[in-house]
Amino acid sequence: MPEFDRPFPNDFLPGAPPGEEFKACAGTPLEPGTRVASDSAVIEALHRVYDPEIPVDIYELGLIYELDIKEDGDAAVVMSLTAPGCPVAGEMPGQVAEAVARVEGIGRVEVRLTWDPAWTPERMSEDARLALGMF
């Protein structure tokens, strides 16, 4: 099982000292010549990651801010959470890194947690709003 960083709680809260942003990593580099996964394959994997307190996946919630798949298959994800005090803040980026790393054609994955800009309900998809009764 891939290892990833496990920070202390204050490492990912707003106002943390510069250079101490929270990152989670998973996966291993791809062999040269391996076919690299598409964005849609990674997004499909992100649809299977849920915040345990909200019955909507993190992609539809609008928690994924950036997805960048490099030519060598390594991937970088920038994400947020619904609130800095989210009880899964220390675990969710690692879960995302592992879910993306399991996609065929993805190598090393780095997930960075950000609070800028702060997540708001406007980031949710229409499907997420319907599922949560927020129309």
N, C-alpha and C. Protein backbone atom coordinates (compact mmCIF):
# COMPACT_ATOMS: atom_id res chain seq x y z
N MET A 1 0.85 -1.18 0.00
CA MET A 1 0.00 0.00 0.00
C MET A 1 0.89 1.24 0.00
N PRO A 2 0.60 2.22 -0.87
CA PRO A 2 1.43 3.41 -0.93
C PRO A 2 1.36 4.21 0.36
N GLU A 3 2.47 4.84 0.69
CA GLU A 3 2.49 5.70 1.85
C GLU A 3 2.23 7.12 1.41
N PHE A 4 1.66 7.94 2.30
CA PHE A 4 1.49 9.34 2.04
C PHE A 4 1.66 10.10 3.34
N ASP A 5 1.89 11.40 3.19
CA ASP A 5 2.15 12.24 4.35
C ASP A 5 0.96 12.22 5.30
N ARG A 6 1.24 12.23 6.59
CA ARG A 6 0.22 12.34 7.63
C ARG A 6 0.57 13.54 8.49
N PRO A 7 -0.05 14.70 8.24
CA PRO A 7 0.32 15.89 8.98
C PRO A 7 -0.36 15.96 10.34
N PHE A 8 0.13 16.87 11.17
CA PHE A 8 -0.58 17.23 12.38
C PHE A 8 -1.75 18.09 11.96
N PRO A 9 -2.82 18.15 12.74
CA PRO A 9 -4.01 18.91 12.33
C PRO A 9 -3.72 20.35 11.92
N ASN A 10 -2.82 21.06 12.59
CA ASN A 10 -2.60 22.46 12.25
C ASN A 10 -1.84 22.62 10.93
N ASP A 11 -1.32 21.57 10.35
CA ASP A 11 -0.58 21.67 9.10
C ASP A 11 -1.48 22.03 7.92
N PHE A 12 -2.77 21.76 7.99
CA PHE A 12 -3.63 22.03 6.85
C PHE A 12 -4.72 23.04 7.15
N LEU A 13 -4.64 23.72 8.28
CA LEU A 13 -5.62 24.75 8.60
C LEU A 13 -5.19 26.09 8.02
N PRO A 14 -6.17 26.97 7.70
CA PRO A 14 -5.80 28.29 7.21
C PRO A 14 -4.89 28.98 8.22
N GLY A 15 -3.92 29.71 7.71
CA GLY A 15 -2.99 30.40 8.58
C GLY A 15 -1.79 29.57 8.97
N ALA A 16 -1.68 28.34 8.45
CA ALA A 16 -0.51 27.51 8.74
C ALA A 16 0.72 28.20 8.16
N PRO A 17 1.87 28.01 8.77
CA PRO A 17 3.09 28.67 8.27
C PRO A 17 3.35 28.34 6.80
N PRO A 18 3.86 29.31 6.04
CA PRO A 18 4.15 29.06 4.61
C PRO A 18 5.08 27.87 4.43
N GLY A 19 4.86 27.15 3.36
CA GLY A 19 5.71 26.00 3.06
C GLY A 19 5.29 24.74 3.78
N GLU A 20 4.22 24.81 4.53
CA GLU A 20 3.75 23.63 5.25
C GLU A 20 2.38 23.21 4.76
N GLU A 21 2.16 23.38 3.43
CA GLU A 21 0.88 22.96 2.89
C GLU A 21 0.75 21.45 2.97
N PHE A 22 -0.47 20.99 3.00
CA PHE A 22 -0.72 19.56 3.13
C PHE A 22 -0.70 18.90 1.76
N LYS A 23 0.06 17.84 1.63
CA LYS A 23 0.12 17.05 0.40
C LYS A 23 -0.03 15.58 0.76
N ALA A 24 -0.67 14.85 -0.11
CA ALA A 24 -0.75 13.41 0.01
C ALA A 24 -0.25 12.82 -1.30
N CYS A 25 0.50 11.75 -1.22
CA CYS A 25 1.07 11.13 -2.41
C CYS A 25 0.75 9.63 -2.44
N ALA A 26 0.66 9.10 -3.65
CA ALA A 26 0.42 7.67 -3.82
C ALA A 26 0.92 7.28 -5.21
N GLY A 27 0.98 5.99 -5.46
CA GLY A 27 1.34 5.49 -6.77
C GLY A 27 2.84 5.36 -6.99
N THR A 28 3.18 4.82 -8.14
CA THR A 28 4.57 4.65 -8.55
C THR A 28 4.69 5.08 -10.01
N PRO A 29 5.88 5.50 -10.42
CA PRO A 29 6.06 5.93 -11.82
C PRO A 29 5.68 4.82 -12.79
N LEU A 30 5.14 5.22 -13.94
CA LEU A 30 4.79 4.25 -14.99
C LEU A 30 6.04 3.83 -15.75
N GLU A 31 6.00 2.64 -16.28
CA GLU A 31 7.07 2.18 -17.17
C GLU A 31 7.01 3.03 -18.44
N PRO A 32 8.16 3.39 -19.00
CA PRO A 32 8.15 4.14 -20.26
C PRO A 32 7.35 3.39 -21.33
N GLY A 33 6.58 4.16 -22.09
CA GLY A 33 5.76 3.57 -23.15
C GLY A 33 4.38 3.15 -22.71
N THR A 34 4.08 3.21 -21.41
CA THR A 34 2.75 2.87 -20.92
C THR A 34 1.76 3.92 -21.38
N ARG A 35 0.60 3.47 -21.81
CA ARG A 35 -0.45 4.41 -22.24
C ARG A 35 -0.96 5.17 -21.01
N VAL A 36 -1.01 6.48 -21.12
CA VAL A 36 -1.43 7.35 -20.02
C VAL A 36 -2.95 7.46 -19.99
N ALA A 37 -3.51 7.46 -18.80
CA ALA A 37 -4.96 7.55 -18.61
C ALA A 37 -5.49 8.91 -19.07
N SER A 38 -6.75 8.92 -19.41
CA SER A 38 -7.41 10.16 -19.81
C SER A 38 -7.96 10.89 -18.58
N ASP A 39 -8.25 12.16 -18.75
CA ASP A 39 -8.90 12.92 -17.68
C ASP A 39 -10.20 12.23 -17.27
N SER A 40 -10.97 11.77 -18.25
CA SER A 40 -12.27 11.17 -17.94
C SER A 40 -12.13 9.91 -17.08
N ALA A 41 -11.07 9.14 -17.29
CA ALA A 41 -10.86 7.94 -16.45
C ALA A 41 -10.56 8.34 -15.02
N VAL A 42 -9.79 9.40 -14.83
CA VAL A 42 -9.49 9.86 -13.48
C VAL A 42 -10.73 10.47 -12.84
N ILE A 43 -11.49 11.23 -13.60
CA ILE A 43 -12.73 11.81 -13.06
C ILE A 43 -13.68 10.71 -12.63
N GLU A 44 -13.74 9.64 -13.39
CA GLU A 44 -14.59 8.49 -13.01
C GLU A 44 -14.16 7.95 -11.65
N ALA A 45 -12.86 7.86 -11.41
CA ALA A 45 -12.37 7.40 -10.11
C ALA A 45 -12.74 8.39 -9.00
N LEU A 46 -12.67 9.68 -9.30
CA LEU A 46 -13.02 10.70 -8.30
C LEU A 46 -14.50 10.64 -7.93
N HIS A 47 -15.32 10.19 -8.86
CA HIS A 47 -16.76 10.03 -8.58
C HIS A 47 -17.02 8.93 -7.54
N ARG A 48 -16.02 8.13 -7.24
CA ARG A 48 -16.18 7.05 -6.25
C ARG A 48 -15.67 7.43 -4.87
N VAL A 49 -15.23 8.67 -4.69
CA VAL A 49 -14.73 9.14 -3.40
C VAL A 49 -15.79 10.06 -2.80
N TYR A 50 -16.23 9.72 -1.60
CA TYR A 50 -17.29 10.47 -0.94
C TYR A 50 -16.81 11.05 0.38
N ASP A 51 -17.31 12.24 0.69
CA ASP A 51 -17.18 12.77 2.03
C ASP A 51 -18.16 11.94 2.86
N PRO A 52 -17.72 11.33 3.97
CA PRO A 52 -18.60 10.44 4.71
C PRO A 52 -19.83 11.12 5.31
N GLU A 53 -19.83 12.44 5.40
CA GLU A 53 -20.98 13.14 5.97
C GLU A 53 -21.96 13.66 4.92
N ILE A 54 -21.59 13.56 3.64
CA ILE A 54 -22.42 14.10 2.57
C ILE A 54 -22.60 13.01 1.52
N PRO A 55 -23.84 12.69 1.15
CA PRO A 55 -24.08 11.59 0.20
C PRO A 55 -23.87 11.96 -1.27
N VAL A 56 -22.82 12.75 -1.55
CA VAL A 56 -22.49 13.15 -2.91
C VAL A 56 -20.98 13.01 -3.06
N ASP A 57 -20.53 12.57 -4.24
CA ASP A 57 -19.08 12.39 -4.43
C ASP A 57 -18.36 13.73 -4.47
N ILE A 58 -17.06 13.69 -4.22
CA ILE A 58 -16.28 14.92 -4.10
C ILE A 58 -16.18 15.70 -5.40
N TYR A 59 -16.26 15.01 -6.54
CA TYR A 59 -16.19 15.71 -7.81
C TYR A 59 -17.46 16.54 -8.03
N GLU A 60 -18.61 15.95 -7.79
CA GLU A 60 -19.88 16.67 -7.95
C GLU A 60 -20.04 17.76 -6.90
N LEU A 61 -19.42 17.59 -5.73
CA LEU A 61 -19.45 18.63 -4.71
C LEU A 61 -18.61 19.85 -5.11
N GLY A 62 -17.75 19.68 -6.08
CA GLY A 62 -16.90 20.78 -6.52
C GLY A 62 -15.64 20.94 -5.68
N LEU A 63 -15.22 19.85 -5.03
CA LEU A 63 -14.03 19.91 -4.19
C LEU A 63 -12.73 19.77 -4.99
N ILE A 64 -12.82 19.30 -6.23
CA ILE A 64 -11.63 19.17 -7.07
C ILE A 64 -11.47 20.46 -7.86
N TYR A 65 -10.40 21.19 -7.57
CA TYR A 65 -10.16 22.48 -8.21
C TYR A 65 -9.32 22.33 -9.47
N GLU A 66 -8.35 21.42 -9.46
CA GLU A 66 -7.48 21.21 -10.62
C GLU A 66 -7.12 19.74 -10.75
N LEU A 67 -6.99 19.30 -11.99
CA LEU A 67 -6.51 17.96 -12.30
C LEU A 67 -5.54 18.09 -13.46
N ASP A 68 -4.31 17.66 -13.26
CA ASP A 68 -3.29 17.77 -14.30
C ASP A 68 -2.59 16.42 -14.45
N ILE A 69 -2.76 15.81 -15.61
CA ILE A 69 -2.11 14.54 -15.90
C ILE A 69 -0.94 14.82 -16.85
N LYS A 70 0.25 14.50 -16.42
CA LYS A 70 1.47 14.76 -17.20
C LYS A 70 1.64 13.70 -18.28
N GLU A 71 2.54 13.97 -19.22
CA GLU A 71 2.82 13.04 -20.32
C GLU A 71 3.35 11.71 -19.83
N ASP A 72 4.01 11.69 -18.65
CA ASP A 72 4.55 10.44 -18.12
C ASP A 72 3.55 9.69 -17.24
N GLY A 73 2.31 10.22 -17.13
CA GLY A 73 1.27 9.55 -16.36
C GLY A 73 1.17 10.01 -14.92
N ASP A 74 2.12 10.81 -14.45
CA ASP A 74 2.00 11.35 -13.10
C ASP A 74 0.85 12.35 -13.09
N ALA A 75 0.20 12.47 -11.95
CA ALA A 75 -0.97 13.35 -11.85
C ALA A 75 -0.86 14.25 -10.63
N ALA A 76 -1.37 15.46 -10.80
CA ALA A 76 -1.43 16.42 -9.70
C ALA A 76 -2.88 16.85 -9.55
N VAL A 77 -3.35 16.86 -8.32
CA VAL A 77 -4.72 17.26 -8.01
C VAL A 77 -4.65 18.35 -6.95
N VAL A 78 -5.42 19.40 -7.16
CA VAL A 78 -5.60 20.43 -6.13
C VAL A 78 -7.06 20.34 -5.72
N MET A 79 -7.28 20.22 -4.42
CA MET A 79 -8.64 20.07 -3.92
C MET A 79 -8.84 20.89 -2.65
N SER A 80 -10.09 21.03 -2.28
CA SER A 80 -10.45 21.68 -1.04
C SER A 80 -11.41 20.76 -0.30
N LEU A 81 -11.89 21.23 0.81
CA LEU A 81 -12.90 20.53 1.58
C LEU A 81 -14.03 21.51 1.85
N THR A 82 -15.16 21.02 2.31
CA THR A 82 -16.29 21.91 2.54
C THR A 82 -16.02 22.91 3.66
N ALA A 83 -15.13 22.56 4.59
CA ALA A 83 -14.78 23.46 5.70
C ALA A 83 -13.43 23.06 6.26
N PRO A 84 -12.64 24.03 6.73
CA PRO A 84 -11.34 23.70 7.32
C PRO A 84 -11.43 22.74 8.50
N GLY A 85 -12.50 22.79 9.23
CA GLY A 85 -12.66 21.90 10.39
C GLY A 85 -13.26 20.55 10.04
N CYS A 86 -13.31 20.22 8.77
CA CYS A 86 -13.88 18.95 8.32
C CYS A 86 -13.19 17.79 9.04
N PRO A 87 -13.97 16.88 9.63
CA PRO A 87 -13.36 15.79 10.39
C PRO A 87 -12.48 14.84 9.57
N VAL A 88 -12.64 14.83 8.24
CA VAL A 88 -11.82 13.95 7.41
C VAL A 88 -10.70 14.70 6.70
N ALA A 89 -10.41 15.92 7.14
CA ALA A 89 -9.41 16.75 6.47
C ALA A 89 -8.05 16.06 6.38
N GLY A 90 -7.66 15.33 7.38
CA GLY A 90 -6.38 14.66 7.36
C GLY A 90 -6.35 13.38 6.55
N GLU A 91 -7.54 12.85 6.21
CA GLU A 91 -7.64 11.58 5.49
C GLU A 91 -8.06 11.72 4.03
N MET A 92 -8.91 12.69 3.74
CA MET A 92 -9.50 12.79 2.40
C MET A 92 -8.46 12.95 1.29
N PRO A 93 -7.46 13.82 1.41
CA PRO A 93 -6.48 13.91 0.31
C PRO A 93 -5.75 12.59 0.05
N GLY A 94 -5.48 11.83 1.08
CA GLY A 94 -4.85 10.52 0.90
C GLY A 94 -5.77 9.55 0.18
N GLN A 95 -7.06 9.61 0.51
CA GLN A 95 -8.03 8.76 -0.17
C GLN A 95 -8.12 9.13 -1.65
N VAL A 96 -8.07 10.42 -1.93
CA VAL A 96 -8.11 10.89 -3.32
C VAL A 96 -6.85 10.43 -4.06
N ALA A 97 -5.70 10.59 -3.44
CA ALA A 97 -4.44 10.16 -4.07
C ALA A 97 -4.47 8.67 -4.39
N GLU A 98 -4.93 7.87 -3.47
CA GLU A 98 -4.98 6.42 -3.69
C GLU A 98 -6.00 6.05 -4.77
N ALA A 99 -7.16 6.73 -4.80
CA ALA A 99 -8.17 6.44 -5.82
C ALA A 99 -7.63 6.77 -7.21
N VAL A 100 -6.95 7.90 -7.35
CA VAL A 100 -6.39 8.29 -8.65
C VAL A 100 -5.25 7.34 -9.03
N ALA A 101 -4.42 6.97 -8.08
CA ALA A 101 -3.29 6.08 -8.36
C ALA A 101 -3.74 4.69 -8.84
N ARG A 102 -4.94 4.27 -8.48
CA ARG A 102 -5.46 2.97 -8.91
C ARG A 102 -5.93 2.97 -10.37
N VAL A 103 -6.05 4.13 -10.99
CA VAL A 103 -6.49 4.21 -12.38
C VAL A 103 -5.37 3.69 -13.28
N GLU A 104 -5.72 2.78 -14.18
CA GLU A 104 -4.73 2.25 -15.11
C GLU A 104 -4.20 3.39 -15.97
N GLY A 105 -2.88 3.50 -16.06
CA GLY A 105 -2.27 4.56 -16.84
C GLY A 105 -1.93 5.81 -16.04
N ILE A 106 -2.00 5.68 -14.71
CA ILE A 106 -1.60 6.78 -13.82
C ILE A 106 -0.41 6.30 -13.00
N GLY A 107 0.59 7.16 -12.90
CA GLY A 107 1.79 6.84 -12.13
C GLY A 107 1.71 7.45 -10.74
N ARG A 108 2.65 8.28 -10.44
CA ARG A 108 2.73 8.94 -9.14
C ARG A 108 1.67 10.03 -9.07
N VAL A 109 1.01 10.14 -7.93
CA VAL A 109 -0.06 11.12 -7.72
C VAL A 109 0.28 11.99 -6.53
N GLU A 110 0.09 13.29 -6.71
CA GLU A 110 0.24 14.22 -5.60
C GLU A 110 -1.06 15.02 -5.49
N VAL A 111 -1.64 15.02 -4.30
CA VAL A 111 -2.86 15.78 -4.03
C VAL A 111 -2.50 16.88 -3.05
N ARG A 112 -2.82 18.10 -3.43
CA ARG A 112 -2.55 19.25 -2.57
C ARG A 112 -3.87 19.82 -2.09
N LEU A 113 -3.96 20.06 -0.80
CA LEU A 113 -5.14 20.64 -0.18
C LEU A 113 -4.98 22.14 -0.13
N THR A 114 -6.00 22.87 -0.59
CA THR A 114 -5.94 24.32 -0.57
C THR A 114 -7.23 24.88 0.04
N TRP A 115 -7.10 26.08 0.56
CA TRP A 115 -8.27 26.80 1.09
C TRP A 115 -8.50 28.07 0.28
N ASP A 116 -7.76 28.26 -0.81
CA ASP A 116 -7.86 29.48 -1.59
C ASP A 116 -8.12 29.14 -3.05
N PRO A 117 -9.32 29.38 -3.54
CA PRO A 117 -10.42 30.03 -2.84
C PRO A 117 -11.16 29.05 -1.94
N ALA A 118 -11.83 29.59 -0.98
CA ALA A 118 -12.63 28.75 -0.08
C ALA A 118 -13.77 28.10 -0.87
N TRP A 119 -14.09 26.87 -0.51
CA TRP A 119 -15.20 26.18 -1.15
C TRP A 119 -16.51 26.85 -0.75
N THR A 120 -17.43 26.95 -1.70
CA THR A 120 -18.79 27.43 -1.43
C THR A 120 -19.76 26.49 -2.13
N PRO A 121 -21.02 26.45 -1.70
CA PRO A 121 -22.00 25.57 -2.34
C PRO A 121 -22.21 25.86 -3.83
N GLU A 122 -21.85 27.04 -4.29
CA GLU A 122 -21.99 27.36 -5.70
C GLU A 122 -21.09 26.49 -6.58
N ARG A 123 -20.08 25.87 -6.00
CA ARG A 123 -19.16 25.00 -6.76
C ARG A 123 -19.81 23.64 -7.08
N MET A 124 -20.89 23.30 -6.41
CA MET A 124 -21.54 22.00 -6.62
C MET A 124 -22.20 21.94 -8.00
N SER A 125 -22.23 20.74 -8.55
CA SER A 125 -22.93 20.53 -9.82
C SER A 125 -24.44 20.56 -9.57
N GLU A 126 -25.19 20.68 -10.65
CA GLU A 126 -26.65 20.66 -10.53
C GLU A 126 -27.11 19.33 -9.94
N ASP A 127 -26.47 18.22 -10.34
CA ASP A 127 -26.83 16.91 -9.80
C ASP A 127 -26.63 16.87 -8.29
N ALA A 128 -25.53 17.45 -7.81
CA ALA A 128 -25.26 17.47 -6.37
C ALA A 128 -26.31 18.29 -5.64
N ARG A 129 -26.68 19.42 -6.21
CA ARG A 129 -27.71 20.26 -5.58
C ARG A 129 -29.04 19.53 -5.50
N LEU A 130 -29.38 18.82 -6.56
CA LEU A 130 -30.64 18.04 -6.55
C LEU A 130 -30.59 16.95 -5.49
N ALA A 131 -29.44 16.23 -5.41
CA ALA A 131 -29.32 15.14 -4.44
C ALA A 131 -29.41 15.65 -3.01
N LEU A 132 -28.96 16.88 -2.78
CA LEU A 132 -28.99 17.43 -1.44
C LEU A 132 -30.20 18.32 -1.17
N GLY A 133 -31.10 18.39 -2.16
CA GLY A 133 -32.31 19.21 -1.99
C GLY A 133 -32.03 20.70 -1.97
N MET A 134 -31.02 21.13 -2.70
CA MET A 134 -30.64 22.55 -2.70
C MET A 134 -30.91 23.16 -4.06
N PHE A 135 -32.17 23.25 -4.44
CA PHE A 135 -32.49 23.82 -5.76
C PHE A 135 -32.96 25.23 -5.65
